[in-house]
Amino acid sequence: MYKLITFKQIGRIEIGFLSFFESNQNIPFEIKRIYYTYYVPVGTKRGGHAHRELNQLLWCPYGKINVILDDGKGKKEFLLDSPEKGLLVGKGIWHDMYWIKENSVLCVAASDYYNESDYIRDYNNFLKLVKEGYWKDENKL
């Protein structure tokens, strides 16, 4: 599962804007963890993993980050370049993020607490799980 979403925006150009999302409203899960990545040098690739069960919402409140999603059969590319845009990334989707603009910030809202055993960090193992039907087509792009 993946989906590009636009957050509700309140305000006006003269005073600025506020955008938000809510658990089980705009995003289809309860948020149990929020983290963010910053001071990443331009051109750096991060991610390089998939999750067995975790669902996430990625957004970039400042900067430009290119996200490449891979379901083991195909890839799709998304540019996070606006604070009111988010990308839902479901379980079983390999993801890589590339920093395009200096001082870009990537924020993530996750459906569960940190659990290292949920991470799949070896791409060949990920492909093997896809081939075996681990996610039963839940992770199609």
C-alpha atoms as a PDB file:
ATOM      1  CA  MET A   1       0.000   0.000   0.000  1.00  0.00           C
ATOM      2  CA  TYR A   2       1.142   3.502  -0.762  1.00  0.00           C
ATOM      3  CA  LYS A   3      -0.707   6.752  -1.238  1.00  0.00           C
ATOM      4  CA  LEU A   4       0.276  10.357  -1.755  1.00  0.00           C
ATOM      5  CA  ILE A   5      -1.936  12.581   0.402  1.00  0.00           C
ATOM      6  CA  THR A   6      -2.428  16.305   0.901  1.00  0.00           C
ATOM      7  CA  PHE A   7      -2.868  17.525   4.461  1.00  0.00           C
ATOM      8  CA  LYS A   8      -5.612  19.964   5.349  1.00  0.00           C
ATOM      9  CA  GLN A   9      -4.292  23.521   5.185  1.00  0.00           C
ATOM     10  CA  ILE A  10      -5.591  26.347   7.364  1.00  0.00           C
ATOM     11  CA  GLY A  11      -4.487  29.974   7.088  1.00  0.00           C
ATOM     12  CA  ARG A  12      -3.705  32.510   4.445  1.00  0.00           C
ATOM     13  CA  ILE A  13      -0.641  33.911   2.740  1.00  0.00           C
ATOM     14  CA  GLU A  14      -0.526  37.031   4.957  1.00  0.00           C
ATOM     15  CA  ILE A  15      -0.149  35.088   8.227  1.00  0.00           C
ATOM     16  CA  GLY A  16       1.042  31.650   7.139  1.00  0.00           C
ATOM     17  CA  PHE A  17      -0.467  28.206   7.197  1.00  0.00           C
ATOM     18  CA  LEU A  18      -0.992  25.266   9.515  1.00  0.00           C
ATOM     19  CA  SER A  19      -1.364  21.731   8.189  1.00  0.00           C
ATOM     20  CA  PHE A  20      -2.209  18.593  10.143  1.00  0.00           C
ATOM     21  CA  PHE A  21      -3.175  14.939  10.003  1.00  0.00           C
ATOM     22  CA  GLU A  22      -4.849  12.716  12.586  1.00  0.00           C
ATOM     23  CA  SER A  23      -4.634   9.037  13.539  1.00  0.00           C
ATOM     24  CA  ASN A  24      -7.383   6.929  12.000  1.00  0.00           C
ATOM     25  CA  GLN A  25      -8.724   9.992  10.171  1.00  0.00           C
ATOM     26  CA  ASN A  26      -6.374  11.197   7.420  1.00  0.00           C
ATOM     27  CA  ILE A  27      -4.071   8.221   7.918  1.00  0.00           C
ATOM     28  CA  PRO A  28      -5.304   4.638   8.306  1.00  0.00           C
ATOM     29  CA  PHE A  29      -3.489   3.771  11.544  1.00  0.00           C
ATOM     30  CA  GLU A  30      -2.846   4.905  15.085  1.00  0.00           C
ATOM     31  CA  ILE A  31       0.437   6.769  15.489  1.00  0.00           C
ATOM     32  CA  LYS A  32       2.728   5.201  18.087  1.00  0.00           C
ATOM     33  CA  ARG A  33       6.033   6.828  17.125  1.00  0.00           C
ATOM     34  CA  ILE A  34       7.240   9.985  15.395  1.00  0.00           C
ATOM     35  CA  TYR A  35      10.810  10.530  14.345  1.00  0.00           C
ATOM     36  CA  TYR A  36      12.685  12.821  12.000  1.00  0.00           C
ATOM     37  CA  THR A  37      15.956  12.862  10.086  1.00  0.00           C
ATOM     38  CA  TYR A  38      17.902  16.080   9.541  1.00  0.00           C
ATOM     39  CA  TYR A  39      21.370  17.502   8.729  1.00  0.00           C
ATOM     40  CA  VAL A  40      21.641  14.875   6.007  1.00  0.00           C
ATOM     41  CA  PRO A  41      24.117  15.924   3.283  1.00  0.00           C
ATOM     42  CA  VAL A  42      22.678  16.530  -0.192  1.00  0.00           C
ATOM     43  CA  GLY A  43      22.992  13.430  -2.377  1.00  0.00           C
ATOM     44  CA  THR A  44      22.823  11.041   0.575  1.00  0.00           C
ATOM     45  CA  LYS A  45      20.713   7.898   0.252  1.00  0.00           C
ATOM     46  CA  ARG A  46      18.920   6.678   3.376  1.00  0.00           C
ATOM     47  CA  GLY A  47      16.321   4.010   4.002  1.00  0.00           C
ATOM     48  CA  GLY A  48      17.315   0.848   2.223  1.00  0.00           C
ATOM     49  CA  HIS A  49      14.799  -1.366   3.985  1.00  0.00           C
ATOM     50  CA  ALA A  50      11.216  -2.605   4.180  1.00  0.00           C
ATOM     51  CA  HIS A  51       9.024  -3.514   7.138  1.00  0.00           C
ATOM     52  CA  ARG A  52       7.231  -6.749   7.899  1.00  0.00           C
ATOM     53  CA  GLU A  53       4.254  -5.055   9.618  1.00  0.00           C
ATOM     54  CA  LEU A  54       4.926  -1.325  10.130  1.00  0.00           C
ATOM     55  CA  ASN A  55       2.954   1.343   8.276  1.00  0.00           C
ATOM     56  CA  GLN A  56       4.332   4.871   7.966  1.00  0.00           C
ATOM     57  CA  LEU A  57       3.521   8.379   6.847  1.00  0.00           C
ATOM     58  CA  LEU A  58       6.509  10.317   5.456  1.00  0.00           C
ATOM     59  CA  TRP A  59       6.514  14.081   4.989  1.00  0.00           C
ATOM     60  CA  CYS A  60       9.084  16.790   4.390  1.00  0.00           C
ATOM     61  CA  PRO A  61       8.221  20.033   6.232  1.00  0.00           C
ATOM     62  CA  TYR A  62      11.260  21.701   4.680  1.00  0.00           C
ATOM     63  CA  GLY A  63      13.330  20.861   1.625  1.00  0.00           C
ATOM     64  CA  LYS A  64      13.207  18.250  -1.113  1.00  0.00           C
ATOM     65  CA  ILE A  65      13.531  14.504  -0.674  1.00  0.00           C
ATOM     66  CA  ASN A  66      13.044  11.964  -3.433  1.00  0.00           C
ATOM     67  CA  VAL A  67      11.440   8.705  -2.261  1.00  0.00           C
ATOM     68  CA  ILE A  68      11.628   5.538  -4.335  1.00  0.00           C
ATOM     69  CA  LEU A  69       9.184   2.774  -3.404  1.00  0.00           C
ATOM     70  CA  ASP A  70       9.710  -0.802  -4.553  1.00  0.00           C
ATOM     71  CA  ASP A  71       7.215  -3.664  -4.113  1.00  0.00           C
ATOM     72  CA  GLY A  72       9.664  -6.266  -5.474  1.00  0.00           C
ATOM     73  CA  LYS A  73       8.029  -6.168  -8.899  1.00  0.00           C
ATOM     74  CA  GLY A  74       8.155  -2.493  -9.806  1.00  0.00           C
ATOM     75  CA  LYS A  75       9.224   0.915  -8.555  1.00  0.00           C
ATOM     76  CA  LYS A  76       7.568   4.312  -8.196  1.00  0.00           C
ATOM     77  CA  GLU A  77       9.178   7.635  -7.430  1.00  0.00           C
ATOM     78  CA  PHE A  78       7.754  10.500  -5.342  1.00  0.00           C
ATOM     79  CA  LEU A  79       9.109  13.950  -4.569  1.00  0.00           C
ATOM     80  CA  LEU A  80       8.371  15.255  -1.085  1.00  0.00           C
ATOM     81  CA  ASP A  81       8.837  19.001  -1.503  1.00  0.00           C
ATOM     82  CA  SER A  82       5.952  20.642   0.317  1.00  0.00           C
ATOM     83  CA  PRO A  83       4.903  20.710   3.991  1.00  0.00           C
ATOM     84  CA  GLU A  84       1.297  19.862   3.133  1.00  0.00           C
ATOM     85  CA  LYS A  85       2.166  16.685   1.212  1.00  0.00           C
ATOM     86  CA  GLY A  86       2.670  13.241   2.746  1.00  0.00           C
ATOM     87  CA  LEU A  87       3.360   9.733   1.497  1.00  0.00           C
ATOM     88  CA  LEU A  88       1.743   6.711   3.129  1.00  0.00           C
ATOM     89  CA  VAL A  89       4.043   3.700   2.933  1.00  0.00           C
ATOM     90  CA  GLY A  90       2.592   0.356   3.962  1.00  0.00           C
ATOM     91  CA  LYS A  91       4.259  -2.814   5.109  1.00  0.00           C
ATOM     92  CA  GLY A  92       6.224  -4.808   2.570  1.00  0.00           C
ATOM     93  CA  ILE A  93       7.409  -1.807   0.553  1.00  0.00           C
ATOM     94  CA  TRP A  94      11.153  -1.303   0.157  1.00  0.00           C
ATOM     95  CA  HIS A  95      11.993   2.391   0.352  1.00  0.00           C
ATOM     96  CA  ASP A  96      14.996   4.564  -0.385  1.00  0.00           C
ATOM     97  CA  MET A  97      15.153   8.294   0.249  1.00  0.00           C
ATOM     98  CA  TYR A  98      17.537  10.721  -1.465  1.00  0.00           C
ATOM     99  CA  TRP A  99      18.237  14.197  -0.077  1.00  0.00           C
ATOM    100  CA  ILE A 100      18.035  16.759  -2.897  1.00  0.00           C
ATOM    101  CA  LYS A 101      18.090  20.088  -1.041  1.00  0.00           C
ATOM    102  CA  GLU A 102      20.403  21.198   1.751  1.00  0.00           C
ATOM    103  CA  ASN A 103      18.899  21.060   5.280  1.00  0.00           C
ATOM    104  CA  SER A 104      15.888  19.009   4.186  1.00  0.00           C
ATOM    105  CA  VAL A 105      13.966  17.371   7.028  1.00  0.00           C
ATOM    106  CA  LEU A 106      12.183  14.028   6.732  1.00  0.00           C
ATOM    107  CA  CYS A 107       9.496  13.318   9.336  1.00  0.00           C
ATOM    108  CA  VAL A 108       7.868   9.930   9.852  1.00  0.00           C
ATOM    109  CA  ALA A 109       4.762   8.909  11.797  1.00  0.00           C
ATOM    110  CA  ALA A 110       4.820   5.159  12.449  1.00  0.00           C
ATOM    111  CA  SER A 111       2.111   2.672  13.379  1.00  0.00           C
ATOM    112  CA  ASP A 112       4.193   0.956  16.053  1.00  0.00           C
ATOM    113  CA  TYR A 113       7.090   1.373  18.448  1.00  0.00           C
ATOM    114  CA  TYR A 114      10.627   0.697  17.273  1.00  0.00           C
ATOM    115  CA  ASN A 115      11.235  -3.021  16.753  1.00  0.00           C
ATOM    116  CA  GLU A 116      14.424  -4.033  14.953  1.00  0.00           C
ATOM    117  CA  SER A 117      13.002  -7.460  14.067  1.00  0.00           C
ATOM    118  CA  ASP A 118      10.359  -5.740  11.891  1.00  0.00           C
ATOM    119  CA  TYR A 119      13.061  -4.386   9.565  1.00  0.00           C
ATOM    120  CA  ILE A 120      14.140  -6.201   6.402  1.00  0.00           C
ATOM    121  CA  ARG A 121      17.519  -4.729   5.523  1.00  0.00           C
ATOM    122  CA  ASP A 122      18.697  -7.248   2.915  1.00  0.00           C
ATOM    123  CA  TYR A 123      17.169  -6.623  -0.525  1.00  0.00           C
ATOM    124  CA  ASN A 124      17.540 -10.240  -1.658  1.00  0.00           C
ATOM    125  CA  ASN A 125      15.717 -11.418   1.478  1.00  0.00           C
ATOM    126  CA  PHE A 126      12.986  -8.855   0.724  1.00  0.00           C
ATOM    127  CA  LEU A 127      12.622 -10.221  -2.830  1.00  0.00           C
ATOM    128  CA  LYS A 128      12.434 -13.767  -1.455  1.00  0.00           C
ATOM    129  CA  LEU A 129       9.600 -12.774   0.925  1.00  0.00           C
ATOM    130  CA  VAL A 130       7.736 -11.053  -1.944  1.00  0.00           C
ATOM    131  CA  LYS A 131       8.099 -14.158  -4.126  1.00  0.00           C
ATOM    132  CA  GLU A 132       6.838 -16.389  -1.289  1.00  0.00           C
ATOM    133  CA  GLY A 133       3.748 -14.163  -0.899  1.00  0.00           C
ATOM    134  CA  TYR A 134       4.570 -12.930   2.607  1.00  0.00           C
ATOM    135  CA  TRP A 135       2.314  -9.874   2.192  1.00  0.00           C
ATOM    136  CA  LYS A 136      -0.355 -11.555   0.015  1.00  0.00           C
ATOM    137  CA  ASP A 137      -0.401  -8.699  -2.530  1.00  0.00           C
ATOM    138  CA  GLU A 138      -0.924  -6.070   0.204  1.00  0.00           C
ATOM    139  CA  ASN A 139       2.206  -4.303  -0.979  1.00  0.00           C
ATOM    140  CA  LYS A 140       1.410  -3.723  -4.643  1.00  0.00           C
ATOM    141  CA  LEU A 141       2.435  -0.409  -6.171  1.00  0.00           C
END
